[in-house]
C-alpha atoms as a PDB file:
ATOM      1  CA  UNK A   1       0.192  -0.118   0.061  1.00  0.00           C
ATOM      2  CA  UNK A   2       2.704   2.602   0.732  1.00  0.00           C
ATOM      3  CA  UNK A   3       4.431   1.602  -2.448  1.00  0.00           C
ATOM      4  CA  UNK A   4       1.272   2.760  -4.363  1.00  0.00           C
ATOM      5  CA  UNK A   5       1.271   5.955  -2.368  1.00  0.00           C
ATOM      6  CA  UNK A   6       4.945   6.657  -2.917  1.00  0.00           C
ATOM      7  CA  UNK A   7       4.559   5.769  -6.603  1.00  0.00           C
ATOM      8  CA  UNK A   8       1.571   8.436  -6.767  1.00  0.00           C
ATOM      9  CA  UNK A   9       3.588  11.120  -4.919  1.00  0.00           C
ATOM     10  CA  UNK A  10       6.399  10.731  -7.279  1.00  0.00           C
ATOM     11  CA  UNK A  11       4.161  11.053 -10.344  1.00  0.00           C
ATOM     12  CA  UNK A  12       2.496  14.162  -8.836  1.00  0.00           C
ATOM     13  CA  UNK A  13       6.108  15.672  -8.162  1.00  0.00           C
ATOM     14  CA  UNK A  14       7.148  14.914 -11.696  1.00  0.00           C
ATOM     15  CA  UNK A  15       4.044  16.427 -13.061  1.00  0.00           C
ATOM     16  CA  UNK A  16       4.359  19.569 -11.274  1.00  0.00           C
ATOM     17  CA  UNK A  17       8.175  19.946 -11.943  1.00  0.00           C
ATOM     18  CA  UNK A  18       7.567  19.633 -15.666  1.00  0.00           C
ATOM     19  CA  UNK A  19       5.964  23.167 -16.281  1.00  0.00           C
ATOM     20  CA  UNK A  20       8.821  24.637 -14.027  1.00  0.00           C
ATOM     21  CA  UNK A  21      11.681  23.093 -16.070  1.00  0.00           C
ATOM     22  CA  UNK A  22       9.798  24.095 -19.190  1.00  0.00           C
ATOM     23  CA  UNK A  23       9.627  27.716 -17.976  1.00  0.00           C
ATOM     24  CA  UNK A  24      13.445  27.709 -16.953  1.00  0.00           C
ATOM     25  CA  UNK A  25      14.459  26.297 -20.182  1.00  0.00           C
ATOM     26  CA  UNK A  26      12.320  28.971 -22.306  1.00  0.00           C
ATOM     27  CA  UNK A  27      13.959  31.703 -20.386  1.00  0.00           C
ATOM     28  CA  UNK A  28      17.415  30.352 -20.976  1.00  0.00           C
ATOM     29  CA  UNK A  29      16.515  30.300 -24.592  1.00  0.00           C
ATOM     30  CA  UNK A  30      14.992  33.780 -24.656  1.00  0.00           C
ATOM     31  CA  UNK A  31      16.455  35.767 -21.898  1.00  0.00           C
ATOM     32  CA  UNK A  32      15.086  38.930 -23.454  1.00  0.00           C
ATOM     33  CA  UNK A  33      11.796  37.940 -22.143  1.00  0.00           C
ATOM     34  CA  UNK A  34      12.808  38.166 -18.619  1.00  0.00           C
ATOM     35  CA  UNK A  35      12.186  42.174 -18.166  1.00  0.00           C
ATOM     36  CA  UNK A  36       8.686  42.096 -19.867  1.00  0.00           C
ATOM     37  CA  UNK A  37       7.674  39.213 -17.728  1.00  0.00           C
ATOM     38  CA  UNK A  38       8.922  40.960 -14.503  1.00  0.00           C
ATOM     39  CA  UNK A  39       7.039  44.131 -15.594  1.00  0.00           C
ATOM     40  CA  UNK A  40       3.886  42.026 -16.033  1.00  0.00           C
ATOM     41  CA  UNK A  41       4.206  40.544 -12.758  1.00  0.00           C
ATOM     42  CA  UNK A  42       4.862  43.898 -10.925  1.00  0.00           C
ATOM     43  CA  UNK A  43       1.945  45.847 -12.313  1.00  0.00           C
ATOM     44  CA  UNK A  44      -0.672  43.923 -10.021  1.00  0.00           C
ATOM     45  CA  UNK A  45       1.629  44.526  -7.074  1.00  0.00           C
ATOM     46  CA  UNK A  46       1.962  48.014  -7.641  1.00  0.00           C
ATOM     47  CA  UNK A  47      -1.862  48.502  -8.343  1.00  0.00           C
ATOM     48  CA  UNK A  48      -2.511  46.487  -4.983  1.00  0.00           C
ATOM     49  CA  UNK A  49      -0.179  48.891  -3.148  1.00  0.00           C
ATOM     50  CA  UNK A  50      -1.777  52.023  -4.508  1.00  0.00           C
ATOM     51  CA  UNK A  51      -5.170  50.563  -3.938  1.00  0.00           C
ATOM     52  CA  UNK A  52      -4.365  49.862  -0.308  1.00  0.00           C
ATOM     53  CA  UNK A  53      -3.045  53.348   0.503  1.00  0.00           C
ATOM     54  CA  UNK A  54      -6.149  54.933  -1.208  1.00  0.00           C
ATOM     55  CA  UNK A  55      -8.457  52.586   1.079  1.00  0.00           C
ATOM     56  CA  UNK A  56      -6.402  53.545   4.115  1.00  0.00           C
ATOM     57  CA  UNK A  57      -6.483  57.315   3.490  1.00  0.00           C
ATOM     58  CA  UNK A  58     -10.155  57.161   2.515  1.00  0.00           C
ATOM     59  CA  UNK A  59     -10.789  55.707   6.151  1.00  0.00           C
ATOM     60  CA  UNK A  60      -8.818  58.204   7.752  1.00  0.00           C
ATOM     61  CA  UNK A  61     -10.931  60.898   5.955  1.00  0.00           C
ATOM     62  CA  UNK A  62     -14.085  59.151   6.996  1.00  0.00           C
ATOM     63  CA  UNK A  63     -12.717  59.221  10.714  1.00  0.00           C
ATOM     64  CA  UNK A  64     -11.810  62.932  10.440  1.00  0.00           C
ATOM     65  CA  UNK A  65     -15.175  64.023   8.961  1.00  0.00           C
ATOM     66  CA  UNK A  66     -17.043  62.089  11.768  1.00  0.00           C
ATOM     67  CA  UNK A  67     -15.119  63.675  14.255  1.00  0.00           C
ATOM     68  CA  UNK A  68     -15.786  67.151  12.710  1.00  0.00           C
ATOM     69  CA  UNK A  69     -19.538  66.404  12.473  1.00  0.00           C
ATOM     70  CA  UNK A  70     -19.417  65.218  16.179  1.00  0.00           C
ATOM     71  CA  UNK A  71     -17.626  68.238  17.280  1.00  0.00           C
ATOM     72  CA  UNK A  72     -20.167  70.425  15.329  1.00  0.00           C
ATOM     73  CA  UNK A  73     -23.052  68.550  16.921  1.00  0.00           C
ATOM     74  CA  UNK A  74     -21.553  69.203  20.316  1.00  0.00           C
ATOM     75  CA  UNK A  75     -20.935  72.679  19.762  1.00  0.00           C
ATOM     76  CA  UNK A  76     -24.562  73.209  18.397  1.00  0.00           C
ATOM     77  CA  UNK A  77     -26.034  71.382  21.370  1.00  0.00           C
ATOM     78  CA  UNK A  78     -24.241  73.585  23.924  1.00  0.00           C
ATOM     79  CA  UNK A  79     -24.864  76.728  21.922  1.00  0.00           C
ATOM     80  CA  UNK A  80     -21.099  77.505  21.575  1.00  0.00           C
ATOM     81  CA  UNK A  81     -19.816  79.649  18.679  1.00  0.00           C
ATOM     82  CA  UNK A  82     -16.283  79.762  17.855  1.00  0.00           C
ATOM     83  CA  UNK A  83     -14.959  78.751  21.229  1.00  0.00           C
ATOM     84  CA  UNK A  84     -17.115  81.531  23.092  1.00  0.00           C
ATOM     85  CA  UNK A  85     -19.365  80.460  25.893  1.00  0.00           C
ATOM     86  CA  UNK A  86     -22.299  82.663  25.630  1.00  0.00           C
ATOM     87  CA  UNK A  87     -22.711  86.193  26.340  1.00  0.00           C
ATOM     88  CA  UNK A  88     -20.095  88.201  28.374  1.00  0.00           C
ATOM     89  CA  UNK A  89     -20.717  90.686  31.105  1.00  0.00           C
ATOM     90  CA  UNK A  90     -19.412  94.357  30.850  1.00  0.00           C
ATOM     91  CA  UNK A  91     -15.764  93.387  31.954  1.00  0.00           C
ATOM     92  CA  UNK A  92     -15.637  90.238  29.805  1.00  0.00           C
ATOM     93  CA  UNK A  93     -16.811  87.933  32.750  1.00  0.00           C
ATOM     94  CA  UNK A  94     -19.461  85.412  32.067  1.00  0.00           C
ATOM     95  CA  UNK A  95     -22.799  86.685  33.600  1.00  0.00           C
ATOM     96  CA  UNK A  96     -22.899  84.140  36.403  1.00  0.00           C
ATOM     97  CA  UNK A  97     -19.567  85.172  37.706  1.00  0.00           C
ATOM     98  CA  UNK A  98     -20.507  88.931  38.253  1.00  0.00           C
ATOM     99  CA  UNK A  99     -18.627  90.764  40.928  1.00  0.00           C
ATOM    100  CA  UNK A 100     -20.593  92.475  43.680  1.00  0.00           C
ATOM    101  CA  UNK A 101     -19.373  95.761  42.736  1.00  0.00           C
ATOM    102  CA  UNK A 102     -21.051  95.109  39.127  1.00  0.00           C
ATOM    103  CA  UNK A 103     -24.399  94.469  40.767  1.00  0.00           C
ATOM    104  CA  UNK A 104     -27.052  96.944  39.779  1.00  0.00           C
ATOM    105  CA  UNK A 105     -28.240  99.193  42.747  1.00  0.00           C
ATOM    106  CA  UNK A 106     -31.883  98.894  43.314  1.00  0.00           C
END
């Protein structure tokens, strides 16, 4: 039984090695084909790299826009405009922090 398995494995190895040997022989006979073959194989690699970079940058832009939207919603919910927190008193203080000397006399 093991002899049959070994025979089958040897046939598979010989069959798989055939195309590789043919390819090697073809390159030995026509070395000028090496550069075009290399270029043909580099094009998909380059496109994959460029595509990956575009996807990563796009994801970063989406996160940035989500954060901007979140910040705008928070500002709108709190009534804040351009970093100011509502109306100021006469001396630039927030109205709830009015000093006792600024209280109106009744």
